[in-house]
Amino acid sequence: MNAKFLVLLAFALYSVICWRWYVCSIKQQCGDKAQATATPLVETPAIEDEGAAVSDTSFRPYEPAPETAPPATQPATDEPDISKVQVEELADQVVIHFPYNSTRKEDDAAIDEYLSRLARQLIASGGTVTLSGHTDNVGDPKTNEAFALRRAKNIRDILIVKGVKKSQIITKSYGERKPVATNDNPRGRYKNRRVEIKVK
């Protein structure tokens, strides 16, 4: 073997090892954790729902949870389970955190108890609620804007089924533009995948 061939072989092996480390360790795209490519943050105004339909086939229509659904609201902890929906009640708002690409039926059961209480409050007071959708920075910014809006609309649809008037609900999307944690690890990305609920 000549020296050029050995150098090329060593470079190819090094490239494969670096690629595998980057894809699996940094981007979390190996096996069940596959995610789309991340892009840098871009600051643009929020998208507000003005009746325009967002095409997102990953969401399904809301189906009310059965009456025997387990209690949903889980207390905020320092280390939440990032594979489940978490409802975090703060002083000025409620934040619902979502697993990656969350569309599973158990997610509806996890937030059903809190949303039932919120619906009763809004029906009684006649007040309004703002639902702001957010994502992590994995994927295309435009796709993230649409996904965050669809996530907020999914919460809106649940409230409407529970008797809240559509005119009482404002939905917004900030996509990946307002992270509350780092996007460099799974736990930070979990904190960024959220809907913020503010009652006025």
N, C-alpha and C. Protein backbone atom coordinates (compact mmCIF):
# COMPACT_ATOMS: atom_id res chain seq x y z
N MET A 1 0.84 -1.20 0.00
CA MET A 1 0.00 0.00 0.00
C MET A 1 0.87 1.25 0.00
N ASN A 2 0.41 2.24 -0.74
CA ASN A 2 1.20 3.46 -0.75
C ASN A 2 0.68 4.42 0.33
N ALA A 3 1.42 5.45 0.60
CA ALA A 3 1.11 6.39 1.68
C ALA A 3 -0.16 7.18 1.41
N LYS A 4 -0.43 7.54 0.16
CA LYS A 4 -1.64 8.31 -0.17
C LYS A 4 -2.89 7.51 0.17
N PHE A 5 -2.88 6.23 -0.15
CA PHE A 5 -4.04 5.39 0.14
C PHE A 5 -4.28 5.29 1.65
N LEU A 6 -3.23 5.13 2.42
CA LEU A 6 -3.36 5.05 3.88
C LEU A 6 -3.90 6.35 4.47
N VAL A 7 -3.43 7.48 3.94
CA VAL A 7 -3.91 8.78 4.41
C VAL A 7 -5.40 8.93 4.09
N LEU A 8 -5.80 8.57 2.87
CA LEU A 8 -7.21 8.67 2.49
C LEU A 8 -8.08 7.73 3.33
N LEU A 9 -7.60 6.54 3.58
CA LEU A 9 -8.33 5.58 4.40
C LEU A 9 -8.49 6.10 5.84
N ALA A 10 -7.42 6.64 6.39
CA ALA A 10 -7.49 7.20 7.75
C ALA A 10 -8.45 8.39 7.81
N PHE A 11 -8.42 9.24 6.79
CA PHE A 11 -9.33 10.39 6.75
C PHE A 11 -10.78 9.94 6.64
N ALA A 12 -11.05 8.94 5.79
CA ALA A 12 -12.42 8.42 5.64
C ALA A 12 -12.92 7.84 6.95
N LEU A 13 -12.09 7.07 7.63
CA LEU A 13 -12.48 6.49 8.93
C LEU A 13 -12.74 7.58 9.96
N TYR A 14 -11.89 8.57 10.02
CA TYR A 14 -12.06 9.70 10.93
C TYR A 14 -13.37 10.45 10.63
N SER A 15 -13.68 10.64 9.34
CA SER A 15 -14.91 11.33 8.95
C SER A 15 -16.15 10.57 9.39
N VAL A 16 -16.14 9.27 9.22
CA VAL A 16 -17.29 8.44 9.62
C VAL A 16 -17.48 8.50 11.13
N ILE A 17 -16.40 8.43 11.89
CA ILE A 17 -16.50 8.49 13.35
C ILE A 17 -17.05 9.86 13.79
N CYS A 18 -16.53 10.94 13.20
CA CYS A 18 -17.01 12.28 13.55
C CYS A 18 -18.48 12.46 13.17
N TRP A 19 -18.86 11.98 12.00
CA TRP A 19 -20.26 12.09 11.57
C TRP A 19 -21.17 11.34 12.53
N ARG A 20 -20.81 10.13 12.90
CA ARG A 20 -21.62 9.32 13.82
C ARG A 20 -21.75 10.02 15.18
N TRP A 21 -20.66 10.56 15.69
CA TRP A 21 -20.69 11.26 16.98
C TRP A 21 -21.61 12.48 16.89
N TYR A 22 -21.50 13.24 15.81
CA TYR A 22 -22.32 14.44 15.65
C TYR A 22 -23.80 14.09 15.55
N VAL A 23 -24.13 13.14 14.69
CA VAL A 23 -25.54 12.78 14.46
C VAL A 23 -26.16 12.15 15.71
N CYS A 24 -25.46 11.23 16.36
CA CYS A 24 -26.05 10.50 17.49
C CYS A 24 -25.95 11.26 18.81
N SER A 25 -24.82 11.87 19.09
CA SER A 25 -24.63 12.53 20.38
C SER A 25 -25.14 13.96 20.41
N ILE A 26 -24.83 14.72 19.39
CA ILE A 26 -25.21 16.13 19.38
C ILE A 26 -26.64 16.32 18.89
N LYS A 27 -26.97 15.77 17.73
CA LYS A 27 -28.28 16.00 17.13
C LYS A 27 -29.35 15.03 17.60
N GLN A 28 -28.98 13.99 18.33
CA GLN A 28 -29.94 13.01 18.86
C GLN A 28 -30.80 12.42 17.74
N GLN A 29 -30.18 12.03 16.62
CA GLN A 29 -30.94 11.55 15.48
C GLN A 29 -30.70 10.08 15.18
N CYS A 30 -30.31 9.31 16.16
CA CYS A 30 -30.12 7.88 15.96
C CYS A 30 -31.33 7.12 16.48
N GLY A 31 -31.75 6.10 15.79
CA GLY A 31 -32.81 5.22 16.26
C GLY A 31 -34.11 5.95 16.51
N ASP A 32 -34.72 5.76 17.70
CA ASP A 32 -36.02 6.33 18.05
C ASP A 32 -35.97 7.82 18.28
N LYS A 33 -34.76 8.38 18.39
CA LYS A 33 -34.64 9.80 18.71
C LYS A 33 -34.46 10.65 17.46
N ALA A 34 -34.78 10.13 16.28
CA ALA A 34 -34.55 10.85 15.02
C ALA A 34 -35.30 12.16 15.01
N GLN A 35 -34.60 13.23 14.63
CA GLN A 35 -35.20 14.55 14.55
C GLN A 35 -34.67 15.22 13.29
N ALA A 36 -35.36 16.28 12.88
CA ALA A 36 -34.95 17.00 11.69
C ALA A 36 -33.74 17.88 11.99
N THR A 37 -33.11 18.41 10.95
CA THR A 37 -31.91 19.22 11.10
C THR A 37 -32.23 20.56 11.75
N ALA A 38 -31.37 20.98 12.70
CA ALA A 38 -31.58 22.25 13.39
C ALA A 38 -31.05 23.39 12.54
N THR A 39 -31.67 24.57 12.72
CA THR A 39 -31.24 25.76 12.01
C THR A 39 -31.11 26.89 13.01
N PRO A 40 -30.36 27.95 12.69
CA PRO A 40 -30.19 29.04 13.63
C PRO A 40 -31.50 29.80 13.87
N LEU A 41 -31.56 30.47 15.02
CA LEU A 41 -32.74 31.27 15.36
C LEU A 41 -32.81 32.51 14.49
N VAL A 42 -34.03 32.88 14.09
CA VAL A 42 -34.25 34.08 13.29
C VAL A 42 -35.36 34.86 13.96
N GLU A 43 -35.13 36.10 14.29
CA GLU A 43 -36.14 36.92 14.98
C GLU A 43 -37.09 37.53 13.97
N THR A 44 -38.38 37.13 14.05
CA THR A 44 -39.43 37.72 13.22
C THR A 44 -40.65 37.88 14.10
N PRO A 45 -41.65 38.67 13.69
CA PRO A 45 -42.83 38.85 14.52
C PRO A 45 -43.58 37.54 14.71
N ALA A 46 -44.35 37.47 15.78
CA ALA A 46 -45.13 36.27 16.07
C ALA A 46 -46.23 36.10 15.03
N ILE A 47 -46.56 34.85 14.75
CA ILE A 47 -47.69 34.55 13.88
C ILE A 47 -48.91 34.44 14.77
N GLU A 48 -49.97 35.15 14.45
CA GLU A 48 -51.22 35.03 15.19
C GLU A 48 -52.23 34.31 14.33
N ASP A 49 -53.07 33.53 14.95
CA ASP A 49 -54.10 32.79 14.23
C ASP A 49 -55.17 33.76 13.77
N GLU A 50 -55.33 33.86 12.47
CA GLU A 50 -56.38 34.71 11.91
C GLU A 50 -57.33 33.86 11.07
N GLY A 51 -57.52 32.62 11.49
CA GLY A 51 -58.43 31.75 10.79
C GLY A 51 -57.80 30.98 9.65
N ALA A 52 -56.52 31.25 9.34
CA ALA A 52 -55.86 30.52 8.26
C ALA A 52 -55.54 29.12 8.73
N ALA A 53 -55.81 28.17 7.90
CA ALA A 53 -55.54 26.78 8.25
C ALA A 53 -54.06 26.50 8.06
N VAL A 54 -53.47 25.79 9.01
CA VAL A 54 -52.10 25.35 8.89
C VAL A 54 -52.12 23.87 8.61
N SER A 55 -51.49 23.46 7.55
CA SER A 55 -51.49 22.04 7.18
C SER A 55 -50.44 21.32 7.97
N ASP A 56 -50.85 20.48 8.88
CA ASP A 56 -49.93 19.69 9.68
C ASP A 56 -50.59 18.34 9.93
N THR A 57 -50.21 17.36 9.16
CA THR A 57 -50.86 16.06 9.24
C THR A 57 -50.42 15.26 10.45
N SER A 58 -49.44 15.76 11.22
CA SER A 58 -49.00 15.00 12.38
C SER A 58 -49.95 15.15 13.56
N PHE A 59 -50.89 16.11 13.52
CA PHE A 59 -51.86 16.28 14.58
C PHE A 59 -53.17 15.65 14.17
N ARG A 60 -53.88 15.09 15.12
CA ARG A 60 -55.18 14.51 14.86
C ARG A 60 -56.22 15.30 15.62
N PRO A 61 -57.50 15.23 15.26
CA PRO A 61 -58.54 15.94 15.98
C PRO A 61 -58.58 15.50 17.44
N TYR A 62 -58.96 16.41 18.31
CA TYR A 62 -59.05 16.11 19.73
C TYR A 62 -60.16 15.12 20.00
N GLU A 63 -59.85 14.12 20.80
CA GLU A 63 -60.85 13.18 21.28
C GLU A 63 -60.85 13.30 22.80
N PRO A 64 -62.02 13.59 23.41
CA PRO A 64 -62.04 13.76 24.86
C PRO A 64 -61.49 12.52 25.56
N ALA A 65 -60.75 12.76 26.62
CA ALA A 65 -60.20 11.65 27.40
C ALA A 65 -61.32 10.94 28.15
N PRO A 66 -61.19 9.64 28.36
CA PRO A 66 -62.23 8.94 29.11
C PRO A 66 -62.31 9.46 30.54
N GLU A 67 -63.48 9.28 31.14
CA GLU A 67 -63.70 9.78 32.50
C GLU A 67 -62.73 9.15 33.50
N THR A 68 -62.20 7.99 33.19
CA THR A 68 -61.30 7.31 34.12
C THR A 68 -59.85 7.69 33.89
N ALA A 69 -59.61 8.79 33.17
CA ALA A 69 -58.23 9.20 32.90
C ALA A 69 -57.51 9.49 34.20
N PRO A 70 -56.23 9.17 34.29
CA PRO A 70 -55.48 9.42 35.52
C PRO A 70 -55.33 10.92 35.76
N PRO A 71 -55.10 11.33 36.99
CA PRO A 71 -54.88 12.74 37.27
C PRO A 71 -53.75 13.26 36.39
N ALA A 72 -53.96 14.45 35.83
CA ALA A 72 -53.04 14.90 34.80
C ALA A 72 -51.95 15.82 35.29
N THR A 73 -52.30 16.80 36.09
CA THR A 73 -51.32 17.79 36.46
C THR A 73 -50.27 17.16 37.35
N GLN A 74 -49.02 17.28 36.93
CA GLN A 74 -47.93 16.73 37.71
C GLN A 74 -47.11 17.88 38.25
N PRO A 75 -46.67 17.79 39.49
CA PRO A 75 -45.91 18.89 40.05
C PRO A 75 -44.59 19.07 39.29
N ALA A 76 -44.20 20.33 39.17
CA ALA A 76 -42.94 20.62 38.52
C ALA A 76 -41.80 20.08 39.37
N THR A 77 -40.85 19.43 38.73
CA THR A 77 -39.69 18.91 39.44
C THR A 77 -38.45 19.42 38.74
N ASP A 78 -37.31 19.22 39.40
CA ASP A 78 -36.07 19.65 38.78
C ASP A 78 -35.74 18.79 37.56
N GLU A 79 -36.16 17.53 37.56
CA GLU A 79 -35.86 16.60 36.48
C GLU A 79 -37.15 15.98 35.95
N PRO A 80 -37.93 16.70 35.12
CA PRO A 80 -39.17 16.12 34.59
C PRO A 80 -38.86 15.00 33.60
N ASP A 81 -39.83 14.10 33.43
CA ASP A 81 -39.72 13.02 32.46
C ASP A 81 -39.98 13.62 31.09
N ILE A 82 -38.94 13.71 30.25
CA ILE A 82 -39.07 14.39 28.97
C ILE A 82 -39.80 13.57 27.92
N SER A 83 -40.24 12.37 28.29
CA SER A 83 -41.02 11.56 27.35
C SER A 83 -42.52 11.74 27.58
N LYS A 84 -42.89 12.60 28.54
CA LYS A 84 -44.30 12.81 28.87
C LYS A 84 -44.62 14.30 28.86
N VAL A 85 -45.92 14.59 28.68
CA VAL A 85 -46.40 15.97 28.80
C VAL A 85 -46.34 16.38 30.27
N GLN A 86 -45.90 17.59 30.52
CA GLN A 86 -45.85 18.12 31.89
C GLN A 86 -46.62 19.44 31.92
N VAL A 87 -47.47 19.61 32.93
CA VAL A 87 -48.18 20.86 33.14
C VAL A 87 -47.51 21.56 34.31
N GLU A 88 -46.97 22.74 34.06
CA GLU A 88 -46.25 23.50 35.07
C GLU A 88 -47.04 24.78 35.38
N GLU A 89 -47.59 24.87 36.59
CA GLU A 89 -48.38 26.03 36.98
C GLU A 89 -47.47 27.04 37.69
N LEU A 90 -47.31 28.21 37.06
CA LEU A 90 -46.49 29.28 37.61
C LEU A 90 -47.39 30.39 38.12
N ALA A 91 -46.82 31.43 38.70
CA ALA A 91 -47.61 32.51 39.28
C ALA A 91 -48.42 33.27 38.22
N ASP A 92 -47.80 33.54 37.06
CA ASP A 92 -48.45 34.39 36.06
C ASP A 92 -48.93 33.64 34.82
N GLN A 93 -48.62 32.36 34.72
CA GLN A 93 -49.02 31.59 33.55
C GLN A 93 -48.91 30.10 33.84
N VAL A 94 -49.44 29.31 32.93
CA VAL A 94 -49.28 27.85 32.98
C VAL A 94 -48.53 27.47 31.72
N VAL A 95 -47.56 26.57 31.86
CA VAL A 95 -46.76 26.12 30.73
C VAL A 95 -46.96 24.61 30.58
N ILE A 96 -47.32 24.20 29.37
CA ILE A 96 -47.43 22.78 29.07
C ILE A 96 -46.24 22.41 28.20
N HIS A 97 -45.39 21.50 28.70
CA HIS A 97 -44.21 21.04 27.97
C HIS A 97 -44.55 19.74 27.24
N PHE A 98 -44.00 19.57 26.04
CA PHE A 98 -44.33 18.43 25.20
C PHE A 98 -43.09 17.62 24.84
N PRO A 99 -43.25 16.29 24.73
CA PRO A 99 -42.16 15.47 24.17
C PRO A 99 -41.96 15.83 22.71
N TYR A 100 -40.87 15.37 22.12
CA TYR A 100 -40.58 15.66 20.73
C TYR A 100 -41.69 15.12 19.83
N ASN A 101 -42.17 15.96 18.92
CA ASN A 101 -43.18 15.59 17.92
C ASN A 101 -44.40 14.96 18.56
N SER A 102 -44.84 15.52 19.67
CA SER A 102 -45.90 14.94 20.50
C SER A 102 -47.25 14.94 19.80
N THR A 103 -47.80 13.73 19.57
CA THR A 103 -49.14 13.59 19.03
C THR A 103 -49.84 12.39 19.64
N ARG A 104 -49.31 11.85 20.72
CA ARG A 104 -49.84 10.61 21.26
C ARG A 104 -51.09 10.83 22.09
N LYS A 105 -51.97 9.85 22.14
CA LYS A 105 -53.24 9.96 22.83
C LYS A 105 -53.07 10.23 24.32
N GLU A 106 -52.04 9.63 24.94
CA GLU A 106 -51.88 9.83 26.38
C GLU A 106 -51.55 11.28 26.73
N ASP A 107 -51.06 12.05 25.76
CA ASP A 107 -50.80 13.47 26.02
C ASP A 107 -52.09 14.22 26.30
N ASP A 108 -53.17 13.88 25.59
CA ASP A 108 -54.46 14.52 25.85
C ASP A 108 -54.94 14.22 27.26
N ALA A 109 -54.78 12.98 27.71
CA ALA A 109 -55.18 12.61 29.06
C ALA A 109 -54.35 13.37 30.10
N ALA A 110 -53.09 13.60 29.79
CA ALA A 110 -52.20 14.26 30.75
C ALA A 110 -52.58 15.72 30.99
N ILE A 111 -53.17 16.38 30.00
CA ILE A 111 -53.52 17.78 30.17
C ILE A 111 -55.01 18.00 30.36
N ASP A 112 -55.80 16.94 30.26
CA ASP A 112 -57.26 17.07 30.29
C ASP A 112 -57.78 17.67 31.59
N GLU A 113 -57.24 17.24 32.72
CA GLU A 113 -57.74 17.72 34.01
C GLU A 113 -57.49 19.23 34.16
N TYR A 114 -56.30 19.68 33.79
CA TYR A 114 -56.01 21.12 33.88
C TYR A 114 -56.90 21.91 32.93
N LEU A 115 -57.04 21.44 31.69
CA LEU A 115 -57.84 22.18 30.71
C LEU A 115 -59.32 22.19 31.08
N SER A 116 -59.80 21.16 31.77
CA SER A 116 -61.18 21.17 32.26
C SER A 116 -61.37 22.29 33.28
N ARG A 117 -60.41 22.43 34.19
CA ARG A 117 -60.49 23.52 35.18
C ARG A 117 -60.43 24.88 34.49
N LEU A 118 -59.52 25.01 33.51
CA LEU A 118 -59.38 26.28 32.79
C LEU A 118 -60.67 26.61 32.03
N ALA A 119 -61.27 25.62 31.39
CA ALA A 119 -62.52 25.85 30.65
C ALA A 119 -63.62 26.33 31.59
N ARG A 120 -63.75 25.70 32.75
CA ARG A 120 -64.78 26.14 33.71
C ARG A 120 -64.53 27.58 34.14
N GLN A 121 -63.27 27.93 34.37
CA GLN A 121 -62.92 29.30 34.78
C GLN A 121 -63.28 30.31 33.68
N LEU A 122 -62.94 29.99 32.43
CA LEU A 122 -63.21 30.92 31.33
C LEU A 122 -64.70 31.06 31.06
N ILE A 123 -65.45 29.96 31.17
CA ILE A 123 -66.89 30.01 30.96
C ILE A 123 -67.54 30.88 32.03
N ALA A 124 -67.10 30.71 33.28
CA ALA A 124 -67.68 31.47 34.39
C ALA A 124 -67.33 32.95 34.32
N SER A 125 -66.07 33.27 33.97
CA SER A 125 -65.63 34.67 34.00
C SER A 125 -65.87 35.40 32.68
N GLY A 126 -65.94 34.67 31.59
CA GLY A 126 -66.06 35.31 30.28
C GLY A 126 -64.75 35.94 29.83
N GLY A 127 -63.66 35.65 30.53
CA GLY A 127 -62.36 36.23 30.20
C GLY A 127 -61.76 35.61 28.96
N THR A 128 -60.55 36.06 28.62
CA THR A 128 -59.85 35.53 27.45
C THR A 128 -58.58 34.83 27.88
N VAL A 129 -58.09 33.97 27.00
CA VAL A 129 -56.85 33.26 27.26
C VAL A 129 -55.98 33.35 26.01
N THR A 130 -54.69 33.54 26.21
CA THR A 130 -53.73 33.55 25.10
C THR A 130 -52.90 32.29 25.17
N LEU A 131 -52.86 31.56 24.06
CA LEU A 131 -52.08 30.33 23.94
C LEU A 131 -50.93 30.60 22.99
N SER A 132 -49.70 30.60 23.50
CA SER A 132 -48.51 30.88 22.69
C SER A 132 -47.73 29.59 22.49
N GLY A 133 -47.61 29.16 21.23
CA GLY A 133 -46.89 27.94 20.91
C GLY A 133 -45.42 28.20 20.66
N HIS A 134 -44.58 27.29 21.14
CA HIS A 134 -43.13 27.39 20.99
C HIS A 134 -42.57 26.02 20.64
N THR A 135 -41.41 26.00 19.96
CA THR A 135 -40.74 24.75 19.64
C THR A 135 -39.27 24.86 20.01
N ASP A 136 -38.55 23.74 19.91
CA ASP A 136 -37.10 23.80 19.98
C ASP A 136 -36.57 24.23 18.61
N ASN A 137 -35.26 24.25 18.42
CA ASN A 137 -34.73 24.73 17.14
C ASN A 137 -34.42 23.60 16.17
N VAL A 138 -34.95 22.41 16.43
CA VAL A 138 -34.74 21.29 15.51
C VAL A 138 -35.70 21.44 14.34
N GLY A 139 -35.17 21.47 13.13
CA GLY A 139 -36.01 21.59 11.95
C GLY A 139 -35.95 22.97 11.33
N ASP A 140 -36.74 23.13 10.29
CA ASP A 140 -36.82 24.37 9.54
C ASP A 140 -37.63 25.42 10.32
N PRO A 141 -37.19 26.68 10.36
CA PRO A 141 -37.92 27.70 11.12
C PRO A 141 -39.38 27.86 10.70
N LYS A 142 -39.67 27.80 9.39
CA LYS A 142 -41.07 27.93 8.95
C LYS A 142 -41.91 26.75 9.42
N THR A 143 -41.33 25.56 9.34
CA THR A 143 -42.04 24.37 9.83
C THR A 143 -42.28 24.49 11.32
N ASN A 144 -41.30 24.99 12.06
CA ASN A 144 -41.46 25.16 13.51
C ASN A 144 -42.54 26.18 13.83
N GLU A 145 -42.62 27.26 13.04
CA GLU A 145 -43.70 28.25 13.24
C GLU A 145 -45.07 27.58 13.10
N ALA A 146 -45.21 26.80 12.03
CA ALA A 146 -46.49 26.13 11.78
C ALA A 146 -46.78 25.08 12.84
N PHE A 147 -45.75 24.35 13.26
CA PHE A 147 -45.95 23.31 14.27
C PHE A 147 -46.35 23.92 15.61
N ALA A 148 -45.70 25.03 15.98
CA ALA A 148 -46.03 25.70 17.25
C ALA A 148 -47.47 26.23 17.21
N LEU A 149 -47.88 26.78 16.08
CA LEU A 149 -49.25 27.27 15.95
C LEU A 149 -50.24 26.12 16.02
N ARG A 150 -49.91 25.00 15.37
CA ARG A 150 -50.81 23.84 15.41
C ARG A 150 -50.93 23.30 16.84
N ARG A 151 -49.83 23.33 17.58
CA ARG A 151 -49.86 22.86 18.97
C ARG A 151 -50.77 23.77 19.80
N ALA A 152 -50.67 25.10 19.60
CA ALA A 152 -51.55 26.03 20.32
C ALA A 152 -53.00 25.83 19.89
N LYS A 153 -53.23 25.61 18.60
CA LYS A 153 -54.59 25.38 18.12
C LYS A 153 -55.16 24.08 18.66
N ASN A 154 -54.32 23.09 18.87
CA ASN A 154 -54.79 21.83 19.44
C ASN A 154 -55.33 22.06 20.86
N ILE A 155 -54.62 22.88 21.64
CA ILE A 155 -55.10 23.23 22.98
C ILE A 155 -56.40 24.03 22.85
N ARG A 156 -56.44 24.98 21.91
CA ARG A 156 -57.66 25.76 21.66
C ARG A 156 -58.85 24.84 21.36
N ASP A 157 -58.64 23.86 20.49
CA ASP A 157 -59.72 22.95 20.11
C ASP A 157 -60.24 22.17 21.31
N ILE A 158 -59.35 21.78 22.21
CA ILE A 158 -59.78 21.07 23.42
C ILE A 158 -60.67 21.98 24.26
N LEU A 159 -60.25 23.25 24.42
CA LEU A 159 -61.05 24.19 25.21
C LEU A 159 -62.41 24.44 24.57
N ILE A 160 -62.47 24.52 23.25
CA ILE A 160 -63.74 24.73 22.57
C ILE A 160 -64.67 23.54 22.79
N VAL A 161 -64.14 22.32 22.71
CA VAL A 161 -64.94 21.12 22.98
C VAL A 161 -65.49 21.16 24.41
N LYS A 162 -64.75 21.77 25.32
CA LYS A 162 -65.17 21.85 26.71
C LYS A 162 -66.11 23.03 26.97
N GLY A 163 -66.49 23.79 25.92
CA GLY A 163 -67.50 24.83 26.06
C GLY A 163 -67.01 26.26 26.02
N VAL A 164 -65.71 26.49 25.85
CA VAL A 164 -65.20 27.86 25.77
C VAL A 164 -65.45 28.39 24.36
N LYS A 165 -65.87 29.66 24.27
CA LYS A 165 -66.12 30.28 22.96
C LYS A 165 -64.80 30.54 22.25
N LYS A 166 -64.79 30.34 20.94
CA LYS A 166 -63.58 30.57 20.15
C LYS A 166 -63.11 32.02 20.28
N SER A 167 -64.06 32.95 20.44
CA SER A 167 -63.70 34.37 20.55
C SER A 167 -62.95 34.68 21.85
N GLN A 168 -62.96 33.77 22.81
CA GLN A 168 -62.25 33.97 24.08
C GLN A 168 -60.80 33.50 24.01
N ILE A 169 -60.41 32.90 22.88
CA ILE A 169 -59.10 32.26 22.78
C ILE A 169 -58.27 32.91 21.68
N ILE A 170 -57.07 33.35 22.03
CA ILE A 170 -56.11 33.90 21.07
C ILE A 170 -54.97 32.91 20.96
N THR A 171 -54.63 32.52 19.73
CA THR A 171 -53.49 31.61 19.54
C THR A 171 -52.38 32.34 18.81
N LYS A 172 -51.15 32.11 19.26
CA LYS A 172 -49.96 32.72 18.66
C LYS A 172 -48.90 31.65 18.47
N SER A 173 -47.99 31.93 17.56
CA SER A 173 -46.85 31.04 17.35
C SER A 173 -45.56 31.85 17.35
N TYR A 174 -44.62 31.42 18.16
CA TYR A 174 -43.28 32.01 18.15
C TYR A 174 -42.26 31.03 17.60
N GLY A 175 -42.71 29.82 17.26
CA GLY A 175 -41.79 28.83 16.71
C GLY A 175 -40.61 28.61 17.64
N GLU A 176 -39.41 28.71 17.08
CA GLU A 176 -38.19 28.47 17.85
C GLU A 176 -37.54 29.75 18.36
N ARG A 177 -38.22 30.91 18.18
CA ARG A 177 -37.59 32.21 18.40
C ARG A 177 -37.49 32.66 19.86
N LYS A 178 -38.18 32.02 20.78
CA LYS A 178 -38.13 32.45 22.18
C LYS A 178 -37.80 31.28 23.09
N PRO A 179 -36.59 30.73 22.97
CA PRO A 179 -36.23 29.61 23.84
C PRO A 179 -36.09 30.05 25.29
N VAL A 180 -36.44 29.17 26.22
CA VAL A 180 -36.26 29.44 27.64
C VAL A 180 -35.11 28.61 28.20
N ALA A 181 -34.53 27.75 27.37
CA ALA A 181 -33.42 26.90 27.78
C ALA A 181 -32.54 26.64 26.56
N THR A 182 -31.42 25.99 26.78
CA THR A 182 -30.52 25.67 25.67
C THR A 182 -31.15 24.63 24.74
N ASN A 183 -30.80 24.70 23.49
CA ASN A 183 -31.23 23.69 22.52
C ASN A 183 -30.12 22.67 22.27
N ASP A 184 -29.08 22.68 23.11
CA ASP A 184 -27.93 21.81 22.91
C ASP A 184 -28.07 20.43 23.55
N ASN A 185 -29.17 20.21 24.30
CA ASN A 185 -29.36 18.89 24.90
C ASN A 185 -30.86 18.58 24.96
N PRO A 186 -31.22 17.30 25.11
CA PRO A 186 -32.63 16.91 25.08
C PRO A 186 -33.49 17.59 26.14
N ARG A 187 -32.96 17.77 27.36
CA ARG A 187 -33.75 18.39 28.42
C ARG A 187 -34.04 19.85 28.12
N GLY A 188 -33.08 20.57 27.57
CA GLY A 188 -33.30 21.96 27.20
C GLY A 188 -34.31 22.08 26.07
N ARG A 189 -34.19 21.19 25.07
CA ARG A 189 -35.15 21.22 23.97
C ARG A 189 -36.56 20.91 24.46
N TYR A 190 -36.67 20.00 25.45
CA TYR A 190 -37.98 19.67 26.04
C TYR A 190 -38.61 20.92 26.67
N LYS A 191 -37.81 21.70 27.38
CA LYS A 191 -38.34 22.92 28.01
C LYS A 191 -38.79 23.94 26.97
N ASN A 192 -38.17 23.93 25.81
CA ASN A 192 -38.54 24.88 24.75
C ASN A 192 -39.78 24.46 23.98
N ARG A 193 -40.11 23.17 23.99
CA ARG A 193 -41.33 22.69 23.30
C ARG A 193 -42.49 22.88 24.25
N ARG A 194 -43.24 23.97 24.08
CA ARG A 194 -44.23 24.31 25.10
C ARG A 194 -45.35 25.16 24.51
N VAL A 195 -46.46 25.19 25.25
CA VAL A 195 -47.52 26.17 25.02
C VAL A 195 -47.66 26.95 26.31
N GLU A 196 -47.54 28.26 26.24
CA GLU A 196 -47.72 29.12 27.39
C GLU A 196 -49.17 29.60 27.42
N ILE A 197 -49.81 29.46 28.57
CA ILE A 197 -51.23 29.81 28.71
C ILE A 197 -51.34 30.97 29.69
N LYS A 198 -51.85 32.09 29.20
CA LYS A 198 -52.03 33.27 30.06
C LYS A 198 -53.50 33.69 30.01
N VAL A 199 -54.12 33.76 31.18
CA VAL A 199 -55.53 34.15 31.29
C VAL A 199 -55.59 35.62 31.61
N LYS A 200 -56.48 36.35 30.91
CA LYS A 200 -56.64 37.79 31.18
C LYS A 200 -57.98 38.06 31.81
